């Protein structure tokens, strides 16, 4: 079992979670998730869910996460104080998990958390009388076209923008950033008063130390999928390389775009200085954050950008696209730089790499900014939303 302290939670934090749950009568909480942290394609959403579920579980709440099959993973297992049940594939998980929860299989729950990760579970339809909260990290928008064939993309976009919003108009939504809240309210036409912002935490494992590389090192972290736009980042790095011949870059992560990215690196004759090591363990990632001169992200959609604040906790600034999520993870011009277009990505990376004093100031400010975010606060904030909904239903 993971030690709560590893996630920045002390015994008082865990006890407080238990008190909040007990006061609201929340002994058992169910979480519906498309994927979980054991899935090979797991990303920030899955890390967020696992950290919160673990702290809730360690506070004495019986937490059950229903999710899809993961290769090599058991159908039922306990992890860090909460239970994971995998009973269906990528698409059937939505009706299967909903039906299982509705029928009370594996035990009835006092409250429900639905993770709306593109495709919703439509919990307002079948769990309207139960205390509920919906975790919605960002609007998916162009991600549909990036990941699905045209017909399925049109269906996904229709569900996200036309079908789901009226169904979720009264639901309590929890998102990661103020910029994501604004985008969700505007694009999905959901009431801002029903949307609560609870930023993700930063694992205390990520902290300053070690030694920066002597030559410029850019690090990027994320799933190798179209929305992350690593192809755009690779092109920007190649442009910077012309001005900074000693530049090296490491792109950490795995995904189905690996072959295409490797081809692009080969086309640019960049194999000697851009590496794709795949998924790495925490120790390796920590070392990369500490050695890097800057973290880069060309992503098109993010709820926050947890790699940005992880790197910041290691006193490493970031250069990233100006999108919802990034606009809160980075204080533009203070902890890093936000860029408005692809051309600006190369220019901003070059600026941070060549100006030692500016880079050091950004890193100092980034460290201070990252210190505000803990998983204990994330777990508490999300539980408070669910507890308030439970209390409201008791008095209604």
Protein backbone atom coordinates (compact mmCIF):
# COMPACT_ATOMS: atom_id res chain seq x y z
CA UNK A 1 0.00 0.00 0.00
CA UNK A 2 1.26 3.48 -0.86
CA UNK A 3 2.24 5.58 2.13
CA UNK A 4 -0.03 8.69 2.25
CA UNK A 5 3.07 10.78 2.97
CA UNK A 6 4.35 9.84 -0.47
CA UNK A 7 1.47 11.88 -1.88
CA UNK A 8 2.00 14.81 0.45
CA UNK A 9 -0.65 13.73 2.96
CA UNK A 10 -0.06 13.59 6.70
CA UNK A 11 -2.09 11.72 9.29
CA UNK A 12 -4.14 14.86 9.95
CA UNK A 13 -5.01 15.14 6.25
CA UNK A 14 -6.18 11.52 6.13
CA UNK A 15 -8.18 11.94 9.36
CA UNK A 16 -9.83 15.06 7.94
CA UNK A 17 -10.94 13.11 4.87
CA UNK A 18 -12.47 10.49 7.14
CA UNK A 19 -14.31 13.16 9.14
CA UNK A 20 -15.75 14.78 5.99
CA UNK A 21 -16.98 11.42 4.70
CA UNK A 22 -18.44 10.36 8.05
CA UNK A 23 -20.33 13.64 8.50
CA UNK A 24 -21.92 13.20 5.06
CA UNK A 25 -22.61 9.49 5.49
CA UNK A 26 -20.22 8.48 2.72
CA UNK A 27 -18.97 5.05 3.69
CA UNK A 28 -18.81 3.61 0.16
CA UNK A 29 -17.96 5.56 -2.99
CA UNK A 30 -18.04 4.15 -6.52
CA UNK A 31 -15.89 5.61 -9.30
CA UNK A 32 -16.64 4.92 -12.96
CA UNK A 33 -13.58 5.29 -15.17
CA UNK A 34 -12.85 4.50 -18.82
CA UNK A 35 -9.29 3.43 -17.92
CA UNK A 36 -7.25 3.10 -14.76
CA UNK A 37 -3.60 3.55 -13.86
CA UNK A 38 -2.63 -0.01 -14.90
CA UNK A 39 -3.73 0.58 -18.48
CA UNK A 40 -0.83 0.92 -20.95
CA UNK A 41 -2.45 4.12 -22.27
CA UNK A 42 -2.97 5.66 -18.83
CA UNK A 43 -2.27 9.37 -18.57
CA UNK A 44 -2.95 12.33 -16.31
CA UNK A 45 -6.64 11.55 -15.79
CA UNK A 46 -5.80 8.07 -14.53
CA UNK A 47 -3.04 9.36 -12.24
CA UNK A 48 -5.49 11.90 -10.81
CA UNK A 49 -8.14 9.25 -10.14
CA UNK A 50 -5.68 6.83 -8.55
CA UNK A 51 -4.21 9.45 -6.20
CA UNK A 52 -7.62 10.63 -5.00
CA UNK A 53 -9.03 7.09 -4.66
CA UNK A 54 -5.95 5.98 -2.69
CA UNK A 55 -6.25 8.81 -0.17
CA UNK A 56 -9.99 8.26 0.21
CA UNK A 57 -9.37 4.56 0.77
CA UNK A 58 -6.68 5.22 3.34
CA UNK A 59 -9.14 7.49 5.16
CA UNK A 60 -11.44 4.51 5.72
CA UNK A 61 -13.81 5.03 2.78
CA UNK A 62 -14.61 1.88 0.80
CA UNK A 63 -13.78 2.94 -2.74
CA UNK A 64 -14.55 0.78 -5.78
CA UNK A 65 -13.41 1.81 -9.25
CA UNK A 66 -15.18 0.14 -12.19
CA UNK A 67 -13.19 0.31 -15.40
CA UNK A 68 -12.22 -1.53 -18.60
CA UNK A 69 -9.90 -4.48 -19.13
CA UNK A 70 -6.18 -3.76 -19.10
CA UNK A 71 -3.75 -6.22 -20.72
CA UNK A 72 -2.27 -8.53 -18.10
CA UNK A 73 -4.26 -7.01 -15.24
CA UNK A 74 -6.56 -9.01 -12.97
CA UNK A 75 -10.31 -8.48 -13.23
CA UNK A 76 -10.47 -7.64 -9.52
CA UNK A 77 -7.61 -6.29 -7.42
CA UNK A 78 -6.92 -4.01 -4.47
CA UNK A 79 -4.52 -1.15 -4.98
CA UNK A 80 -3.44 1.39 -2.36
CA UNK A 81 -6.56 0.92 -0.26
CA UNK A 82 -9.21 0.86 -3.00
CA UNK A 83 -10.72 -1.86 -5.20
CA UNK A 84 -10.53 -2.00 -9.00
CA UNK A 85 -13.03 -4.07 -11.01
CA UNK A 86 -12.47 -4.62 -14.73
CA UNK A 87 -15.40 -6.26 -16.50
CA UNK A 88 -15.53 -5.02 -20.10
CA UNK A 89 -13.55 -3.70 -23.05
CA UNK A 90 -12.95 -0.15 -24.28
CA UNK A 91 -16.51 0.51 -25.46
CA UNK A 92 -18.65 -1.97 -23.53
CA UNK A 93 -17.28 -0.63 -20.25
CA UNK A 94 -19.77 2.24 -20.41
CA UNK A 95 -23.03 0.23 -20.35
CA UNK A 96 -21.48 -2.61 -18.32
CA UNK A 97 -20.12 -0.41 -15.51
CA UNK A 98 -23.33 1.63 -15.38
CA UNK A 99 -25.52 -1.47 -15.21
CA UNK A 100 -23.30 -3.11 -12.57
CA UNK A 101 -23.40 -0.03 -10.40
CA UNK A 102 -27.13 0.43 -10.90
CA UNK A 103 -27.76 -3.18 -9.84
CA UNK A 104 -25.48 -2.91 -6.81
CA UNK A 105 -23.20 -5.76 -7.85
CA UNK A 106 -20.12 -5.95 -5.60
CA UNK A 107 -22.00 -3.87 -3.01
CA UNK A 108 -24.17 -0.78 -3.07
CA UNK A 109 -22.48 2.63 -2.83
CA UNK A 110 -23.50 5.76 -0.93
CA UNK A 111 -22.23 8.09 -3.67
CA UNK A 112 -20.95 7.99 -7.21
CA UNK A 113 -18.12 9.70 -9.07
CA UNK A 114 -18.25 9.56 -12.85
CA UNK A 115 -15.14 10.39 -14.86
CA UNK A 116 -16.39 11.97 -18.09
CA UNK A 117 -13.37 11.35 -20.31
CA UNK A 118 -14.76 12.11 -23.75
CA UNK A 119 -17.56 9.54 -23.65
CA UNK A 120 -19.83 9.91 -20.59
CA UNK A 121 -21.44 7.13 -18.54
CA UNK A 122 -24.70 9.16 -18.45
CA UNK A 123 -25.05 8.79 -14.67
CA UNK A 124 -27.80 11.45 -14.43
CA UNK A 125 -30.08 9.05 -16.33
CA UNK A 126 -29.73 6.06 -14.02
CA UNK A 127 -28.34 7.45 -10.74
CA UNK A 128 -30.24 10.72 -10.41
CA UNK A 129 -31.31 10.04 -6.81
CA UNK A 130 -27.83 9.29 -5.55
CA UNK A 131 -25.20 11.86 -4.47
CA UNK A 132 -22.99 12.28 -7.55
CA UNK A 133 -20.05 14.27 -8.83
CA UNK A 134 -18.59 14.31 -12.34
CA UNK A 135 -14.89 14.73 -13.01
CA UNK A 136 -14.54 16.53 -16.34
CA UNK A 137 -11.00 17.69 -16.96
CA UNK A 138 -11.43 19.42 -20.30
CA UNK A 139 -13.49 19.69 -23.48
CA UNK A 140 -12.35 17.09 -26.03
CA UNK A 141 -13.39 18.96 -29.20
CA UNK A 142 -10.82 18.25 -31.94
CA UNK A 143 -9.56 15.15 -30.12
CA UNK A 144 -12.44 13.23 -31.72
CA UNK A 145 -11.09 13.81 -35.22
CA UNK A 146 -7.54 13.12 -34.06
CA UNK A 147 -8.31 9.68 -32.64
CA UNK A 148 -11.36 8.22 -34.42
CA UNK A 149 -12.57 7.52 -37.97
CA UNK A 150 -14.84 10.27 -39.38
CA UNK A 151 -18.19 8.65 -38.57
CA UNK A 152 -17.25 7.79 -34.99
CA UNK A 153 -15.68 11.23 -34.58
CA UNK A 154 -18.94 12.88 -35.64
CA UNK A 155 -20.85 10.68 -33.18
CA UNK A 156 -18.45 11.52 -30.34
CA UNK A 157 -18.64 15.24 -31.08
CA UNK A 158 -22.45 15.06 -31.20
CA UNK A 159 -22.58 13.32 -27.84
CA UNK A 160 -20.17 15.80 -26.24
CA UNK A 161 -21.74 18.99 -27.56
CA UNK A 162 -25.41 18.22 -28.19
CA UNK A 163 -26.63 15.13 -26.33
CA UNK A 164 -24.74 15.13 -23.04
CA UNK A 165 -24.89 18.80 -21.90
CA UNK A 166 -28.68 18.92 -21.33
CA UNK A 167 -28.48 15.65 -19.40
CA UNK A 168 -25.70 16.96 -17.15
CA UNK A 169 -27.09 20.49 -16.65
CA UNK A 170 -27.82 19.86 -12.93
CA UNK A 171 -24.77 17.74 -12.16
CA UNK A 172 -21.93 18.86 -9.92
CA UNK A 173 -18.82 19.09 -12.09
CA UNK A 174 -15.26 19.05 -10.76
CA UNK A 175 -12.50 20.25 -13.09
CA UNK A 176 -8.81 21.04 -12.66
CA UNK A 177 -8.40 24.69 -13.61
CA UNK A 178 -10.21 27.99 -13.93
CA UNK A 179 -9.45 28.08 -17.65
CA UNK A 180 -10.98 24.62 -18.09
CA UNK A 181 -14.03 25.72 -16.10
CA UNK A 182 -14.52 28.68 -18.41
CA UNK A 183 -14.15 26.50 -21.49
CA UNK A 184 -16.54 23.83 -20.17
CA UNK A 185 -19.17 26.39 -19.25
CA UNK A 186 -18.88 28.18 -22.59
CA UNK A 187 -18.51 25.25 -24.99
CA UNK A 188 -20.81 22.72 -23.26
CA UNK A 189 -23.25 25.33 -21.95
CA UNK A 190 -23.06 24.04 -18.37
CA UNK A 191 -23.75 26.36 -15.44
CA UNK A 192 -20.55 27.88 -14.00
CA UNK A 193 -22.16 27.75 -10.53
CA UNK A 194 -22.22 23.94 -10.80
CA UNK A 195 -18.52 23.69 -11.70
CA UNK A 196 -15.89 23.52 -8.94
CA UNK A 197 -12.17 23.91 -9.60
CA UNK A 198 -9.87 21.55 -7.69
CA UNK A 199 -6.29 21.57 -9.06
CA UNK A 200 -4.27 18.34 -9.17
CA UNK A 201 -1.51 17.77 -6.66
CA UNK A 202 2.20 17.26 -7.13
CA UNK A 203 3.85 14.16 -5.74
CA UNK A 204 6.49 15.25 -3.17
CA UNK A 205 8.90 12.87 -4.89
CA UNK A 206 9.38 15.72 -7.37
CA UNK A 207 11.72 18.22 -5.75
CA UNK A 208 14.93 20.06 -6.63
CA UNK A 209 18.20 18.20 -6.61
CA UNK A 210 20.86 16.71 -8.80
CA UNK A 211 22.72 18.65 -11.47
CA UNK A 212 21.51 20.32 -14.66
CA UNK A 213 22.96 19.03 -17.87
CA UNK A 214 25.84 21.14 -19.11
CA UNK A 215 24.32 21.35 -22.58
CA UNK A 216 20.69 22.41 -23.28
CA UNK A 217 18.22 19.59 -22.59
CA UNK A 218 14.50 19.81 -23.41
CA UNK A 219 12.18 17.21 -21.88
CA UNK A 220 8.60 16.45 -22.87
CA UNK A 221 6.32 13.89 -21.19
CA UNK A 222 3.02 12.39 -22.32
CA UNK A 223 1.25 9.67 -24.25
CA UNK A 224 2.39 9.43 -27.85
CA UNK A 225 -1.00 10.29 -29.29
CA UNK A 226 -2.15 12.99 -31.75
CA UNK A 227 -3.54 15.44 -29.19
CA UNK A 228 -0.08 15.86 -27.63
CA UNK A 229 1.28 17.04 -31.02
CA UNK A 230 4.78 15.72 -30.48
CA UNK A 231 5.29 15.98 -34.23
CA UNK A 232 4.90 19.75 -33.92
CA UNK A 233 7.31 19.79 -30.98
CA UNK A 234 9.88 17.75 -32.91
CA UNK A 235 9.75 20.24 -35.79
CA UNK A 236 10.16 23.14 -33.35
CA UNK A 237 13.13 21.42 -31.71
CA UNK A 238 14.73 20.95 -35.12
CA UNK A 239 14.39 24.69 -35.75
CA UNK A 240 16.00 25.50 -32.40
CA UNK A 241 18.79 23.01 -33.11
CA UNK A 242 19.97 25.19 -35.98
CA UNK A 243 20.68 27.99 -33.48
CA UNK A 244 21.69 25.71 -30.56
CA UNK A 245 23.79 22.88 -32.09
CA UNK A 246 24.43 21.35 -28.65
CA UNK A 247 20.67 20.87 -28.01
CA UNK A 248 19.33 17.46 -26.96
CA UNK A 249 15.75 16.38 -26.26
CA UNK A 250 13.99 13.47 -24.56
CA UNK A 251 10.30 12.70 -25.18
CA UNK A 252 9.02 10.34 -22.47
CA UNK A 253 5.92 8.23 -23.03
CA UNK A 254 4.38 5.48 -25.10
CA UNK A 255 1.52 5.32 -27.58
CA UNK A 256 0.38 4.36 -31.03
CA UNK A 257 2.07 7.36 -32.70
CA UNK A 258 5.55 6.06 -31.89
CA UNK A 259 6.23 4.78 -35.42
CA UNK A 260 5.16 8.06 -37.04
CA UNK A 261 7.29 10.08 -34.62
CA UNK A 262 10.30 7.85 -35.20
CA UNK A 263 9.89 8.35 -38.95
CA UNK A 264 9.76 12.11 -38.50
CA UNK A 265 12.88 12.06 -36.35
CA UNK A 266 14.64 10.01 -39.03
CA UNK A 267 13.52 12.41 -41.77
CA UNK A 268 15.09 15.27 -39.81
CA UNK A 269 18.24 13.21 -39.16
CA UNK A 270 17.61 13.90 -35.45
CA UNK A 271 18.04 10.39 -34.07
CA UNK A 272 21.36 11.33 -32.50
CA UNK A 273 19.89 14.04 -30.31
CA UNK A 274 16.12 13.32 -29.88
CA UNK A 275 15.32 10.14 -27.96
CA UNK A 276 12.04 8.31 -27.28
CA UNK A 277 12.73 6.08 -24.25
CA UNK A 278 9.09 5.04 -23.78
CA UNK A 279 7.52 4.90 -20.33
CA UNK A 280 10.01 5.33 -17.50
CA UNK A 281 9.88 4.84 -13.75
CA UNK A 282 9.59 7.66 -11.23
CA UNK A 283 13.31 7.72 -10.47
CA UNK A 284 14.20 8.16 -14.13
CA UNK A 285 11.52 10.79 -14.66
CA UNK A 286 12.71 12.70 -11.59
CA UNK A 287 16.26 12.64 -12.91
CA UNK A 288 15.12 13.98 -16.29
CA UNK A 289 13.11 16.80 -14.73
CA UNK A 290 16.14 17.80 -12.64
CA UNK A 291 18.56 17.66 -15.57
CA UNK A 292 16.31 19.46 -18.03
CA UNK A 293 16.71 23.13 -18.86
CA UNK A 294 13.06 23.39 -19.82
CA UNK A 295 9.95 21.20 -20.16
CA UNK A 296 7.99 21.56 -23.39
CA UNK A 297 4.39 20.79 -24.38
CA UNK A 298 2.69 21.38 -27.73
CA UNK A 299 -0.56 19.72 -26.59
CA UNK A 300 -3.87 20.95 -28.01
CA UNK A 301 -6.12 19.96 -25.07
CA UNK A 302 -5.31 19.55 -21.38
CA UNK A 303 -7.25 19.83 -18.15
CA UNK A 304 -4.09 21.06 -16.43
CA UNK A 305 -0.77 19.61 -17.59
CA UNK A 306 0.54 17.74 -14.56
CA UNK A 307 3.98 17.27 -16.09
CA UNK A 308 4.34 21.05 -16.02
CA UNK A 309 3.91 21.29 -12.25
CA UNK A 310 5.95 18.12 -11.68
CA UNK A 311 8.85 19.70 -13.55
CA UNK A 312 8.22 23.01 -11.75
CA UNK A 313 8.55 21.19 -8.41
CA UNK A 314 12.07 20.29 -9.61
CA UNK A 315 12.71 24.00 -10.37
CA UNK A 316 12.37 23.47 -14.11
CA UNK A 317 10.31 26.01 -16.10
CA UNK A 318 8.08 25.16 -19.06
CA UNK A 319 7.22 26.36 -22.54
CA UNK A 320 3.75 25.25 -23.62
CA UNK A 321 0.79 26.04 -25.82
CA UNK A 322 -1.69 28.63 -24.57
CA UNK A 323 -4.69 26.36 -23.98
CA UNK A 324 -7.15 25.76 -21.16
CA UNK A 325 -5.28 23.95 -18.39
CA UNK A 326 -1.82 25.13 -19.39
CA UNK A 327 -3.00 28.68 -18.68
CA UNK A 328 -3.28 27.78 -14.97
CA UNK A 329 -0.36 25.34 -14.68
CA UNK A 330 1.93 28.10 -16.03
CA UNK A 331 1.96 31.73 -14.91
CA UNK A 332 2.94 33.23 -18.25
CA UNK A 333 6.23 35.11 -18.13
CA UNK A 334 6.72 34.17 -14.48
CA UNK A 335 6.99 30.36 -14.20
CA UNK A 336 7.29 29.66 -17.93
CA UNK A 337 6.08 30.84 -21.31
CA UNK A 338 2.78 30.23 -23.11
CA UNK A 339 2.83 30.32 -26.90
CA UNK A 340 -0.01 31.17 -29.26
CA UNK A 341 1.14 29.32 -32.37
CA UNK A 342 3.60 26.72 -33.60
CA UNK A 343 6.09 29.36 -34.71
CA UNK A 344 6.11 30.78 -31.21
CA UNK A 345 7.03 27.40 -29.75
CA UNK A 346 10.49 27.39 -31.31
CA UNK A 347 11.07 31.07 -30.55
CA UNK A 348 10.09 30.70 -26.88
CA UNK A 349 12.17 27.58 -26.40
CA UNK A 350 15.16 29.38 -27.88
CA UNK A 351 14.61 32.38 -25.62
CA UNK A 352 14.54 30.28 -22.44
CA UNK A 353 17.53 28.18 -23.49
CA UNK A 354 19.81 31.10 -24.38
CA UNK A 355 19.01 33.41 -21.42
CA UNK A 356 20.52 31.84 -18.29
CA UNK A 357 19.30 34.53 -15.88
CA UNK A 358 15.76 34.49 -17.25
CA UNK A 359 15.65 30.68 -17.12
CA UNK A 360 16.87 30.65 -13.52
CA UNK A 361 14.22 33.20 -12.50
CA UNK A 362 11.48 31.19 -14.21
CA UNK A 363 12.68 28.05 -12.43
CA UNK A 364 12.68 29.75 -9.02
CA UNK A 365 9.14 31.04 -9.56
CA UNK A 366 7.99 27.68 -10.93
CA UNK A 367 9.15 25.94 -7.77
CA UNK A 368 7.22 28.39 -5.61
CA UNK A 369 4.09 27.97 -7.76
CA UNK A 370 4.25 24.15 -7.64
CA UNK A 371 4.52 24.15 -3.84
CA UNK A 372 0.86 25.24 -3.64
CA UNK A 373 -0.47 21.94 -4.99
CA UNK A 374 -0.80 18.73 -2.96
CA UNK A 375 -2.75 15.53 -3.49
CA UNK A 376 -4.15 15.90 0.02
CA UNK A 377 -5.80 19.17 -1.02
CA UNK A 378 -7.04 17.56 -4.24
CA UNK A 379 -8.58 14.62 -2.40
CA UNK A 380 -10.19 16.94 0.15
CA UNK A 381 -11.57 19.37 -2.42
CA UNK A 382 -13.19 16.66 -4.52
CA UNK A 383 -14.60 14.90 -1.45
CA UNK A 384 -16.08 18.17 -0.19
CA UNK A 385 -18.03 18.53 -3.44
CA UNK A 386 -19.44 15.03 -3.07
CA UNK A 387 -20.17 15.55 0.64
CA UNK A 388 -21.98 18.83 -0.04
CA UNK A 389 -24.13 17.06 -2.62
CA UNK A 390 -24.93 14.31 -0.11
CA UNK A 391 -25.88 16.87 2.55
CA UNK A 392 -28.01 18.79 0.09
CA UNK A 393 -29.99 15.69 -0.77
CA UNK A 394 -30.57 14.93 2.92
CA UNK A 395 -32.13 18.35 3.50
CA UNK A 396 -34.01 18.61 0.20
